[in-house]
PDB file of N, CA and C in Angstrom:
ATOM      1  N   UNK A   1     -38.659  -4.452   0.200  1.00  0.00           N
ATOM      2  CA  UNK A   1     -38.610  -3.913   1.094  1.00  0.00           C
ATOM      3  C   UNK A   1     -39.688  -4.441   2.078  1.00  0.00           C
ATOM      4  N   UNK A   2     -39.564  -4.050   3.761  1.00  0.00           N
ATOM      5  CA  UNK A   2     -40.424  -4.540   4.583  1.00  0.00           C
ATOM      6  C   UNK A   2     -41.357  -3.229   4.845  1.00  0.00           C
ATOM      7  N   UNK A   3     -42.411  -3.862   5.306  1.00  0.00           N
ATOM      8  CA  UNK A   3     -43.962  -2.940   5.627  1.00  0.00           C
ATOM      9  C   UNK A   3     -43.357  -2.079   6.666  1.00  0.00           C
ATOM     10  N   UNK A   4     -43.873  -0.580   6.397  1.00  0.00           N
ATOM     11  CA  UNK A   4     -43.854   0.393   7.202  1.00  0.00           C
ATOM     12  C   UNK A   4     -44.329   0.069   8.385  1.00  0.00           C
ATOM     13  N   UNK A   5     -44.096   0.370   9.516  1.00  0.00           N
ATOM     14  CA  UNK A   5     -44.821   0.150  10.768  1.00  0.00           C
ATOM     15  C   UNK A   5     -45.069   1.845  11.361  1.00  0.00           C
ATOM     16  N   UNK A   6     -46.269   2.109  11.434  1.00  0.00           N
ATOM     17  CA  UNK A   6     -46.559   3.267  12.053  1.00  0.00           C
ATOM     18  C   UNK A   6     -47.291   3.350  13.130  1.00  0.00           C
ATOM     19  N   UNK A   7     -47.099   3.456  14.467  1.00  0.00           N
ATOM     20  CA  UNK A   7     -48.195   3.655  15.650  1.00  0.00           C
ATOM     21  C   UNK A   7     -49.114   4.480  15.326  1.00  0.00           C
ATOM     22  N   UNK A   8     -50.667   3.932  15.170  1.00  0.00           N
ATOM     23  CA  UNK A   8     -51.823   4.814  14.719  1.00  0.00           C
ATOM     24  C   UNK A   8     -51.963   5.726  15.559  1.00  0.00           C
ATOM     25  N   UNK A   9     -51.568   5.733  16.918  1.00  0.00           N
ATOM     26  CA  UNK A   9     -51.616   6.788  18.028  1.00  0.00           C
ATOM     27  C   UNK A   9     -50.965   8.079  17.849  1.00  0.00           C
ATOM     28  N   UNK A  10     -49.900   7.972  17.007  1.00  0.00           N
ATOM     29  CA  UNK A  10     -49.233   9.303  16.471  1.00  0.00           C
ATOM     30  C   UNK A  10     -50.121   9.845  15.231  1.00  0.00           C
ATOM     31  N   UNK A  11     -50.875   9.453  14.831  1.00  0.00           N
ATOM     32  CA  UNK A  11     -51.709  10.192  13.832  1.00  0.00           C
ATOM     33  C   UNK A  11     -52.356  11.030  14.858  1.00  0.00           C
ATOM     34  N   UNK A  12     -52.523  12.223  15.585  1.00  0.00           N
ATOM     35  CA  UNK A  12     -52.934  12.815  16.241  1.00  0.00           C
ATOM     36  C   UNK A  12     -53.192  14.169  15.873  1.00  0.00           C
ATOM     37  N   UNK A  13     -53.052  14.982  14.509  1.00  0.00           N
ATOM     38  CA  UNK A  13     -53.487  16.419  13.841  1.00  0.00           C
ATOM     39  C   UNK A  13     -54.816  15.735  13.125  1.00  0.00           C
ATOM     40  N   UNK A  14     -55.876  16.538  13.904  1.00  0.00           N
ATOM     41  CA  UNK A  14     -57.004  16.649  13.356  1.00  0.00           C
ATOM     42  C   UNK A  14     -56.749  17.483  11.737  1.00  0.00           C
ATOM     43  N   UNK A  15     -56.810  16.686  10.549  1.00  0.00           N
ATOM     44  CA  UNK A  15     -56.777  17.811   9.616  1.00  0.00           C
ATOM     45  C   UNK A  15     -58.220  17.781   8.615  1.00  0.00           C
ATOM     46  N   UNK A  16     -58.384  18.874   7.986  1.00  0.00           N
ATOM     47  CA  UNK A  16     -59.572  19.009   7.117  1.00  0.00           C
ATOM     48  C   UNK A  16     -58.348  18.970   5.720  1.00  0.00           C
ATOM     49  N   UNK A  17     -59.395  18.051   4.614  1.00  0.00           N
ATOM     50  CA  UNK A  17     -58.450  17.950   3.383  1.00  0.00           C
ATOM     51  C   UNK A  17     -59.247  18.693   2.456  1.00  0.00           C
ATOM     52  N   UNK A  18     -59.060  19.943   1.595  1.00  0.00           N
ATOM     53  CA  UNK A  18     -59.743  20.392   0.717  1.00  0.00           C
ATOM     54  C   UNK A  18     -59.448  20.539  -0.663  1.00  0.00           C
ATOM     55  N   UNK A  19     -59.940  20.594  -1.499  1.00  0.00           N
ATOM     56  CA  UNK A  19     -59.680  20.425  -2.840  1.00  0.00           C
ATOM     57  C   UNK A  19     -59.799  21.742  -3.617  1.00  0.00           C
ATOM     58  N   UNK A  20     -59.208  21.886  -4.335  1.00  0.00           N
ATOM     59  CA  UNK A  20     -58.942  23.419  -4.958  1.00  0.00           C
ATOM     60  C   UNK A  20     -60.182  24.023  -6.108  1.00  0.00           C
ATOM     61  N   UNK A  21     -60.465  25.061  -6.257  1.00  0.00           N
ATOM     62  CA  UNK A  21     -61.641  25.391  -7.214  1.00  0.00           C
ATOM     63  C   UNK A  21     -61.469  25.123  -8.505  1.00  0.00           C
ATOM     64  N   UNK A  22     -62.280  24.459  -9.203  1.00  0.00           N
ATOM     65  CA  UNK A  22     -62.250  23.881 -10.878  1.00  0.00           C
ATOM     66  C   UNK A  22     -63.229  24.418 -11.726  1.00  0.00           C
ATOM     67  N   UNK A  23     -63.919  25.634 -11.248  1.00  0.00           N
ATOM     68  CA  UNK A  23     -65.065  25.875 -12.130  1.00  0.00           C
ATOM     69  C   UNK A  23     -64.730  27.462 -13.098  1.00  0.00           C
ATOM     70  N   UNK A  24     -64.506  27.137 -13.873  1.00  0.00           N
ATOM     71  CA  UNK A  24     -64.085  28.167 -14.836  1.00  0.00           C
ATOM     72  C   UNK A  24     -64.911  29.409 -14.781  1.00  0.00           C
ATOM     73  N   UNK A  25     -64.465  30.797 -14.417  1.00  0.00           N
ATOM     74  CA  UNK A  25     -65.667  32.065 -14.599  1.00  0.00           C
ATOM     75  C   UNK A  25     -65.627  32.386 -15.953  1.00  0.00           C
ATOM     76  N   UNK A  26     -65.413  31.968 -17.038  1.00  0.00           N
ATOM     77  CA  UNK A  26     -65.425  32.389 -18.331  1.00  0.00           C
ATOM     78  C   UNK A  26     -64.106  33.376 -18.807  1.00  0.00           C
ATOM     79  N   UNK A  27     -63.150  34.091 -18.039  1.00  0.00           N
ATOM     80  CA  UNK A  27     -62.507  34.889 -18.285  1.00  0.00           C
ATOM     81  C   UNK A  27     -61.003  34.318 -18.211  1.00  0.00           C
ATOM     82  N   UNK A  28     -61.065  33.140 -17.789  1.00  0.00           N
ATOM     83  CA  UNK A  28     -59.834  32.604 -17.791  1.00  0.00           C
ATOM     84  C   UNK A  28     -59.333  32.211 -16.386  1.00  0.00           C
ATOM     85  N   UNK A  29     -60.056  32.626 -15.340  1.00  0.00           N
ATOM     86  CA  UNK A  29     -60.099  31.853 -14.010  1.00  0.00           C
ATOM     87  C   UNK A  29     -60.845  31.044 -13.301  1.00  0.00           C
ATOM     88  N   UNK A  30     -60.874  30.669 -12.249  1.00  0.00           N
ATOM     89  CA  UNK A  30     -61.657  30.135 -11.864  1.00  0.00           C
ATOM     90  C   UNK A  30     -62.694  30.684 -10.667  1.00  0.00           C
ATOM     91  N   UNK A  31     -63.829  30.145 -10.301  1.00  0.00           N
ATOM     92  CA  UNK A  31     -64.621  30.776  -9.463  1.00  0.00           C
ATOM     93  C   UNK A  31     -64.538  29.767  -8.318  1.00  0.00           C
ATOM     94  N   UNK A  32     -65.074  30.391  -7.135  1.00  0.00           N
ATOM     95  CA  UNK A  32     -65.253  29.595  -5.757  1.00  0.00           C
ATOM     96  C   UNK A  32     -64.021  29.474  -5.168  1.00  0.00           C
ATOM     97  N   UNK A  33     -64.192  28.683  -3.888  1.00  0.00           N
ATOM     98  CA  UNK A  33     -63.128  29.070  -3.100  1.00  0.00           C
ATOM     99  C   UNK A  33     -62.859  27.331  -2.990  1.00  0.00           C
ATOM    100  N   UNK A  34     -62.024  27.057  -1.992  1.00  0.00           N
ATOM    101  CA  UNK A  34     -61.787  25.536  -1.975  1.00  0.00           C
ATOM    102  C   UNK A  34     -62.853  24.516  -1.342  1.00  0.00           C
ATOM    103  N   UNK A  35     -62.924  23.923  -1.710  1.00  0.00           N
ATOM    104  CA  UNK A  35     -63.872  22.485  -1.474  1.00  0.00           C
ATOM    105  C   UNK A  35     -63.741  21.544  -0.102  1.00  0.00           C
ATOM    106  N   UNK A  36     -64.339  21.303   0.772  1.00  0.00           N
ATOM    107  CA  UNK A  36     -64.049  20.504   1.936  1.00  0.00           C
ATOM    108  C   UNK A  36     -64.273  18.997   1.181  1.00  0.00           C
ATOM    109  N   UNK A  37     -63.552  18.077   1.487  1.00  0.00           N
ATOM    110  CA  UNK A  37     -63.438  16.531   0.642  1.00  0.00           C
ATOM    111  C   UNK A  37     -63.590  15.729   2.387  1.00  0.00           C
ATOM    112  N   UNK A  38     -62.947  15.742   3.333  1.00  0.00           N
ATOM    113  CA  UNK A  38     -62.748  15.357   4.078  1.00  0.00           C
ATOM    114  C   UNK A  38     -61.930  15.817   5.417  1.00  0.00           C
ATOM    115  N   UNK A  39     -62.658  15.113   6.479  1.00  0.00           N
ATOM    116  CA  UNK A  39     -61.324  15.376   7.872  1.00  0.00           C
ATOM    117  C   UNK A  39     -61.032  13.821   8.661  1.00  0.00           C
ATOM    118  N   UNK A  40     -59.917  14.080   8.673  1.00  0.00           N
ATOM    119  CA  UNK A  40     -59.235  12.755   8.559  1.00  0.00           C
ATOM    120  C   UNK A  40     -58.103  13.089   9.912  1.00  0.00           C
ATOM    121  N   UNK A  41     -57.446  12.341  10.515  1.00  0.00           N
ATOM    122  CA  UNK A  41     -56.210  11.959  11.363  1.00  0.00           C
ATOM    123  C   UNK A  41     -54.860  12.024  10.572  1.00  0.00           C
ATOM    124  N   UNK A  42     -53.952  12.693  10.853  1.00  0.00           N
ATOM    125  CA  UNK A  42     -52.439  12.401  10.347  1.00  0.00           C
ATOM    126  C   UNK A  42     -51.692  13.141  11.126  1.00  0.00           C
ATOM    127  N   UNK A  43     -50.367  12.964  10.862  1.00  0.00           N
ATOM    128  CA  UNK A  43     -48.977  13.281  11.758  1.00  0.00           C
ATOM    129  C   UNK A  43     -48.444  14.511  10.792  1.00  0.00           C
ATOM    130  N   UNK A  44     -48.377  15.605  11.744  1.00  0.00           N
ATOM    131  CA  UNK A  44     -47.710  16.321  11.181  1.00  0.00           C
ATOM    132  C   UNK A  44     -46.162  16.763  11.439  1.00  0.00           C
ATOM    133  N   UNK A  45     -45.145  16.629  10.401  1.00  0.00           N
ATOM    134  CA  UNK A  45     -43.865  17.062  10.750  1.00  0.00           C
ATOM    135  C   UNK A  45     -43.061  18.019   9.905  1.00  0.00           C
ATOM    136  N   UNK A  46     -42.729  19.152  10.621  1.00  0.00           N
ATOM    137  CA  UNK A  46     -41.781  20.010  10.074  1.00  0.00           C
ATOM    138  C   UNK A  46     -40.557  19.983   9.219  1.00  0.00           C
ATOM    139  N   UNK A  47     -40.073  20.007   8.441  1.00  0.00           N
ATOM    140  CA  UNK A  47     -39.056  19.698   7.874  1.00  0.00           C
ATOM    141  C   UNK A  47     -38.038  20.508   7.589  1.00  0.00           C
ATOM    142  N   UNK A  48     -38.310  21.798   6.961  1.00  0.00           N
ATOM    143  CA  UNK A  48     -37.364  22.932   6.833  1.00  0.00           C
ATOM    144  C   UNK A  48     -37.978  24.241   6.916  1.00  0.00           C
ATOM    145  N   UNK A  49     -37.385  25.531   6.493  1.00  0.00           N
ATOM    146  CA  UNK A  49     -38.092  26.518   6.551  1.00  0.00           C
ATOM    147  C   UNK A  49     -37.089  27.560   5.899  1.00  0.00           C
ATOM    148  N   UNK A  50     -37.457  28.743   4.912  1.00  0.00           N
ATOM    149  CA  UNK A  50     -36.667  29.470   4.227  1.00  0.00           C
ATOM    150  C   UNK A  50     -37.541  30.457   4.059  1.00  0.00           C
ATOM    151  N   UNK A  51     -36.438  31.717   3.779  1.00  0.00           N
ATOM    152  CA  UNK A  51     -37.126  32.909   3.490  1.00  0.00           C
ATOM    153  C   UNK A  51     -37.277  33.282   1.815  1.00  0.00           C
ATOM    154  N   UNK A  52     -38.271  33.530   1.628  1.00  0.00           N
ATOM    155  CA  UNK A  52     -38.250  34.093  -0.284  1.00  0.00           C
ATOM    156  C   UNK A  52     -38.953  34.952  -0.253  1.00  0.00           C
ATOM    157  N   UNK A  53     -38.948  35.800  -1.476  1.00  0.00           N
ATOM    158  CA  UNK A  53     -39.625  36.882  -2.073  1.00  0.00           C
ATOM    159  C   UNK A  53     -40.447  36.169  -3.226  1.00  0.00           C
ATOM    160  N   UNK A  54     -42.074  36.339  -2.991  1.00  0.00           N
ATOM    161  CA  UNK A  54     -42.760  36.383  -3.655  1.00  0.00           C
ATOM    162  C   UNK A  54     -43.704  37.628  -4.203  1.00  0.00           C
ATOM    163  N   UNK A  55     -43.727  38.093  -5.019  1.00  0.00           N
ATOM    164  CA  UNK A  55     -44.505  38.922  -5.903  1.00  0.00           C
ATOM    165  C   UNK A  55     -43.788  40.620  -5.120  1.00  0.00           C
ATOM    166  N   UNK A  56     -42.628  40.403  -4.478  1.00  0.00           N
ATOM    167  CA  UNK A  56     -42.051  41.391  -3.935  1.00  0.00           C
ATOM    168  C   UNK A  56     -42.117  41.797  -2.626  1.00  0.00           C
ATOM    169  N   UNK A  57     -42.876  40.725  -1.881  1.00  0.00           N
ATOM    170  CA  UNK A  57     -43.031  40.521  -0.285  1.00  0.00           C
ATOM    171  C   UNK A  57     -42.113  39.296  -0.022  1.00  0.00           C
ATOM    172  N   UNK A  58     -41.490  39.829   1.276  1.00  0.00           N
ATOM    173  CA  UNK A  58     -40.889  38.492   1.844  1.00  0.00           C
ATOM    174  C   UNK A  58     -42.034  37.661   2.675  1.00  0.00           C
ATOM    175  N   UNK A  59     -41.733  36.364   2.551  1.00  0.00           N
ATOM    176  CA  UNK A  59     -42.446  35.290   2.808  1.00  0.00           C
ATOM    177  C   UNK A  59     -41.693  34.244   3.667  1.00  0.00           C
ATOM    178  N   UNK A  60     -42.319  33.516   4.800  1.00  0.00           N
ATOM    179  CA  UNK A  60     -41.609  32.340   5.110  1.00  0.00           C
ATOM    180  C   UNK A  60     -42.249  31.178   4.625  1.00  0.00           C
ATOM    181  N   UNK A  61     -41.587  30.385   3.885  1.00  0.00           N
ATOM    182  CA  UNK A  61     -41.967  28.935   3.376  1.00  0.00           C
ATOM    183  C   UNK A  61     -41.386  27.660   4.101  1.00  0.00           C
ATOM    184  N   UNK A  62     -42.508  27.196   4.840  1.00  0.00           N
ATOM    185  CA  UNK A  62     -42.140  25.681   5.577  1.00  0.00           C
ATOM    186  C   UNK A  62     -42.811  24.746   5.055  1.00  0.00           C
ATOM    187  N   UNK A  63     -41.590  23.808   4.643  1.00  0.00           N
ATOM    188  CA  UNK A  63     -41.714  22.205   4.318  1.00  0.00           C
ATOM    189  C   UNK A  63     -42.266  21.388   5.472  1.00  0.00           C
ATOM    190  N   UNK A  64     -43.345  20.565   4.858  1.00  0.00           N
ATOM    191  CA  UNK A  64     -44.050  19.763   6.372  1.00  0.00           C
ATOM    192  C   UNK A  64     -43.917  18.282   5.326  1.00  0.00           C
ATOM    193  N   UNK A  65     -43.713  17.146   6.201  1.00  0.00           N
ATOM    194  CA  UNK A  65     -44.258  15.944   5.934  1.00  0.00           C
ATOM    195  C   UNK A  65     -45.537  15.685   6.587  1.00  0.00           C
ATOM    196  N   UNK A  66     -46.846  15.258   5.795  1.00  0.00           N
ATOM    197  CA  UNK A  66     -47.757  14.929   6.648  1.00  0.00           C
ATOM    198  C   UNK A  66     -48.473  13.332   6.053  1.00  0.00           C
ATOM    199  N   UNK A  67     -48.329  12.523   7.309  1.00  0.00           N
ATOM    200  CA  UNK A  67     -48.680  11.344   7.131  1.00  0.00           C
ATOM    201  C   UNK A  67     -50.234  10.967   7.599  1.00  0.00           C
ATOM    202  N   UNK A  68     -50.962  10.529   6.658  1.00  0.00           N
ATOM    203  CA  UNK A  68     -52.553   9.837   6.738  1.00  0.00           C
ATOM    204  C   UNK A  68     -52.627   8.625   6.588  1.00  0.00           C
ATOM    205  N   UNK A  69     -53.562   8.029   6.819  1.00  0.00           N
ATOM    206  CA  UNK A  69     -54.147   6.856   6.341  1.00  0.00           C
ATOM    207  C   UNK A  69     -54.302   6.799   4.745  1.00  0.00           C
ATOM    208  N   UNK A  70     -54.188   5.602   4.058  1.00  0.00           N
ATOM    209  CA  UNK A  70     -54.220   5.723   2.791  1.00  0.00           C
ATOM    210  C   UNK A  70     -55.667   6.261   2.486  1.00  0.00           C
ATOM    211  N   UNK A  71     -56.170   6.936   1.629  1.00  0.00           N
ATOM    212  CA  UNK A  71     -56.951   7.414   0.708  1.00  0.00           C
ATOM    213  C   UNK A  71     -56.936   7.478  -0.489  1.00  0.00           C
ATOM    214  N   UNK A  72     -57.843   7.171  -1.075  1.00  0.00           N
ATOM    215  CA  UNK A  72     -58.240   7.267  -2.821  1.00  0.00           C
ATOM    216  C   UNK A  72     -58.422   8.642  -3.266  1.00  0.00           C
ATOM    217  N   UNK A  73     -58.015   9.261  -4.004  1.00  0.00           N
ATOM    218  CA  UNK A  73     -58.211  10.370  -4.811  1.00  0.00           C
ATOM    219  C   UNK A  73     -57.577  11.544  -4.352  1.00  0.00           C
ATOM    220  N   UNK A  74     -56.813  11.444  -3.319  1.00  0.00           N
ATOM    221  CA  UNK A  74     -56.103  12.646  -2.789  1.00  0.00           C
ATOM    222  C   UNK A  74     -54.540  12.669  -3.655  1.00  0.00           C
ATOM    223  N   UNK A  75     -54.758  14.046  -4.258  1.00  0.00           N
ATOM    224  CA  UNK A  75     -53.806  14.578  -5.427  1.00  0.00           C
ATOM    225  C   UNK A  75     -52.667  15.336  -4.858  1.00  0.00           C
ATOM    226  N   UNK A  76     -51.574  15.765  -5.607  1.00  0.00           N
ATOM    227  CA  UNK A  76     -50.919  17.072  -5.348  1.00  0.00           C
ATOM    228  C   UNK A  76     -51.734  18.515  -5.663  1.00  0.00           C
ATOM    229  N   UNK A  77     -51.962  19.260  -5.466  1.00  0.00           N
ATOM    230  CA  UNK A  77     -52.650  20.826  -5.221  1.00  0.00           C
ATOM    231  C   UNK A  77     -53.707  20.669  -4.325  1.00  0.00           C
ATOM    232  N   UNK A  78     -54.065  19.489  -3.442  1.00  0.00           N
ATOM    233  CA  UNK A  78     -54.984  19.708  -2.791  1.00  0.00           C
ATOM    234  C   UNK A  78     -54.334  20.136  -1.484  1.00  0.00           C
ATOM    235  N   UNK A  79     -55.008  20.772  -0.434  1.00  0.00           N
ATOM    236  CA  UNK A  79     -54.352  21.333   0.799  1.00  0.00           C
ATOM    237  C   UNK A  79     -55.064  20.280   2.236  1.00  0.00           C
ATOM    238  N   UNK A  80     -54.198  20.484   3.378  1.00  0.00           N
ATOM    239  CA  UNK A  80     -54.473  20.105   4.566  1.00  0.00           C
ATOM    240  C   UNK A  80     -55.012  21.616   5.235  1.00  0.00           C
ATOM    241  N   UNK A  81     -56.058  21.662   6.050  1.00  0.00           N
ATOM    242  CA  UNK A  81     -56.076  22.613   6.964  1.00  0.00           C
ATOM    243  C   UNK A  81     -56.104  22.052   8.296  1.00  0.00           C
ATOM    244  N   UNK A  82     -55.023  22.674   9.426  1.00  0.00           N
ATOM    245  CA  UNK A  82     -55.018  22.251  10.755  1.00  0.00           C
ATOM    246  C   UNK A  82     -54.747  23.544  11.488  1.00  0.00           C
ATOM    247  N   UNK A  83     -55.979  24.008  12.434  1.00  0.00           N
ATOM    248  CA  UNK A  83     -55.533  24.958  13.339  1.00  0.00           C
ATOM    249  C   UNK A  83     -55.324  26.324  12.714  1.00  0.00           C
ATOM    250  N   UNK A  84     -55.979  26.317  11.243  1.00  0.00           N
ATOM    251  CA  UNK A  84     -55.960  27.901  10.528  1.00  0.00           C
ATOM    252  C   UNK A  84     -54.545  27.836   9.685  1.00  0.00           C
ATOM    253  N   UNK A  85     -53.819  26.884   9.456  1.00  0.00           N
ATOM    254  CA  UNK A  85     -52.707  26.962   8.817  1.00  0.00           C
ATOM    255  C   UNK A  85     -52.912  26.038   7.670  1.00  0.00           C
ATOM    256  N   UNK A  86     -52.709  26.525   6.535  1.00  0.00           N
ATOM    257  CA  UNK A  86     -52.834  25.635   5.326  1.00  0.00           C
ATOM    258  C   UNK A  86     -51.687  24.887   4.666  1.00  0.00           C
ATOM    259  N   UNK A  87     -51.758  23.827   4.666  1.00  0.00           N
ATOM    260  CA  UNK A  87     -50.306  22.805   3.939  1.00  0.00           C
ATOM    261  C   UNK A  87     -50.978  22.792   2.621  1.00  0.00           C
ATOM    262  N   UNK A  88     -50.101  23.122   1.524  1.00  0.00           N
ATOM    263  CA  UNK A  88     -50.349  22.881   0.371  1.00  0.00           C
ATOM    264  C   UNK A  88     -49.552  21.604  -0.205  1.00  0.00           C
ATOM    265  N   UNK A  89     -49.965  20.327  -0.833  1.00  0.00           N
ATOM    266  CA  UNK A  89     -49.436  19.210  -1.254  1.00  0.00           C
ATOM    267  C   UNK A  89     -48.994  19.516  -2.464  1.00  0.00           C
ATOM    268  N   UNK A  90     -47.555  19.150  -2.327  1.00  0.00           N
ATOM    269  CA  UNK A  90     -46.625  19.216  -3.332  1.00  0.00           C
ATOM    270  C   UNK A  90     -46.567  17.676  -4.018  1.00  0.00           C
ATOM    271  N   UNK A  91     -46.486  16.790  -3.438  1.00  0.00           N
ATOM    272  CA  UNK A  91     -46.310  15.857  -3.769  1.00  0.00           C
ATOM    273  C   UNK A  91     -46.656  14.438  -2.711  1.00  0.00           C
ATOM    274  N   UNK A  92     -46.790  13.242  -3.120  1.00  0.00           N
ATOM    275  CA  UNK A  92     -47.289  12.407  -2.387  1.00  0.00           C
ATOM    276  C   UNK A  92     -46.708  10.732  -2.653  1.00  0.00           C
ATOM    277  N   UNK A  93     -46.641   9.797  -1.870  1.00  0.00           N
ATOM    278  CA  UNK A  93     -46.408   8.573  -1.978  1.00  0.00           C
ATOM    279  C   UNK A  93     -46.858   7.584  -1.147  1.00  0.00           C
ATOM    280  N   UNK A  94     -46.559   6.211  -1.591  1.00  0.00           N
ATOM    281  CA  UNK A  94     -47.179   5.268  -0.524  1.00  0.00           C
ATOM    282  C   UNK A  94     -45.988   4.496  -0.387  1.00  0.00           C
ATOM    283  N   UNK A  95     -45.354   4.755   0.806  1.00  0.00           N
ATOM    284  CA  UNK A  95     -43.907   4.415   1.144  1.00  0.00           C
ATOM    285  C   UNK A  95     -43.707   3.058   0.832  1.00  0.00           C
ATOM    286  N   UNK A  96     -44.532   2.167   0.749  1.00  0.00           N
ATOM    287  CA  UNK A  96     -44.167   0.794   1.082  1.00  0.00           C
ATOM    288  C   UNK A  96     -45.384  -0.173   0.208  1.00  0.00           C
ATOM    289  N   UNK A  97     -46.062   0.766  -0.507  1.00  0.00           N
ATOM    290  CA  UNK A  97     -46.949  -0.122  -1.477  1.00  0.00           C
ATOM    291  C   UNK A  97     -47.903  -0.530  -1.188  1.00  0.00           C
ATOM    292  N   UNK A  98     -48.026  -0.570   0.299  1.00  0.00           N
ATOM    293  CA  UNK A  98     -49.258  -1.423   0.706  1.00  0.00           C
ATOM    294  C   UNK A  98     -50.349  -0.772   1.011  1.00  0.00           C
ATOM    295  N   UNK A  99     -50.963   0.385   0.652  1.00  0.00           N
ATOM    296  CA  UNK A  99     -51.922   0.974   0.563  1.00  0.00           C
ATOM    297  C   UNK A  99     -52.325   1.323   2.091  1.00  0.00           C
ATOM    298  N   UNK A 100     -51.765   1.240   2.848  1.00  0.00           N
ATOM    299  CA  UNK A 100     -51.664   1.686   4.325  1.00  0.00           C
ATOM    300  C   UNK A 100     -51.844   3.162   4.752  1.00  0.00           C
ATOM    301  N   UNK A 101     -50.829   3.870   4.068  1.00  0.00           N
ATOM    302  CA  UNK A 101     -50.693   5.249   4.266  1.00  0.00           C
ATOM    303  C   UNK A 101     -49.978   5.967   3.114  1.00  0.00           C
ATOM    304  N   UNK A 102     -50.134   7.324   3.333  1.00  0.00           N
ATOM    305  CA  UNK A 102     -49.867   7.869   2.331  1.00  0.00           C
ATOM    306  C   UNK A 102     -49.101   9.026   2.668  1.00  0.00           C
ATOM    307  N   UNK A 103     -47.538   9.641   2.476  1.00  0.00           N
ATOM    308  CA  UNK A 103     -46.771  10.515   2.890  1.00  0.00           C
ATOM    309  C   UNK A 103     -47.322  11.657   1.893  1.00  0.00           C
ATOM    310  N   UNK A 104     -47.139  12.672   2.468  1.00  0.00           N
ATOM    311  CA  UNK A 104     -47.433  13.957   1.691  1.00  0.00           C
ATOM    312  C   UNK A 104     -46.460  14.666   2.078  1.00  0.00           C
ATOM    313  N   UNK A 105     -45.898  15.625   1.132  1.00  0.00           N
ATOM    314  CA  UNK A 105     -44.702  16.420   0.981  1.00  0.00           C
ATOM    315  C   UNK A 105     -45.546  17.705   0.837  1.00  0.00           C
ATOM    316  N   UNK A 106     -45.625  18.544   1.918  1.00  0.00           N
ATOM    317  CA  UNK A 106     -46.432  20.004   1.968  1.00  0.00           C
ATOM    318  C   UNK A 106     -45.674  21.185   2.335  1.00  0.00           C
ATOM    319  N   UNK A 107     -46.071  22.327   1.643  1.00  0.00           N
ATOM    320  CA  UNK A 107     -45.704  23.669   1.873  1.00  0.00           C
ATOM    321  C   UNK A 107     -46.662  24.621   2.416  1.00  0.00           C
ATOM    322  N   UNK A 108     -46.220  25.431   3.552  1.00  0.00           N
ATOM    323  CA  UNK A 108     -46.849  26.422   4.253  1.00  0.00           C
ATOM    324  C   UNK A 108     -46.398  27.508   3.724  1.00  0.00           C
ATOM    325  N   UNK A 109     -46.653  28.522   3.281  1.00  0.00           N
ATOM    326  CA  UNK A 109     -46.569  29.796   2.801  1.00  0.00           C
ATOM    327  C   UNK A 109     -47.394  30.705   3.873  1.00  0.00           C
ATOM    328  N   UNK A 110     -46.282  31.401   4.601  1.00  0.00           N
ATOM    329  CA  UNK A 110     -46.555  32.590   5.566  1.00  0.00           C
ATOM    330  C   UNK A 110     -46.324  33.987   5.321  1.00  0.00           C
ATOM    331  N   UNK A 111     -47.022  34.842   5.099  1.00  0.00           N
ATOM    332  CA  UNK A 111     -46.858  36.210   4.774  1.00  0.00           C
ATOM    333  C   UNK A 111     -46.165  37.244   5.840  1.00  0.00           C
TER     334      UNK A 111
END
């Protein structure tokens, strides 16, 4: 497979990368909020939208593909924040195994 070409100018969305809380509260939950990890440039592509019922409430679930420059330490369960929107990383891959880019499959849940 050939190397993926992506015009760096298309990474035009300023994203905050956040990690989930990991401190146990002693009662089976976690303490604290999301922790800022980095601010970086990426590209957001909306893929699909669907309506679901979560906890008895109707919500919209929108899936996105977010492309960023390769960065070690990015894992599923982290999230991107862009203009107040929260995009939870469900899966990620290096499209051509060159360690140049990461493609993250994300979901945004809107109440």
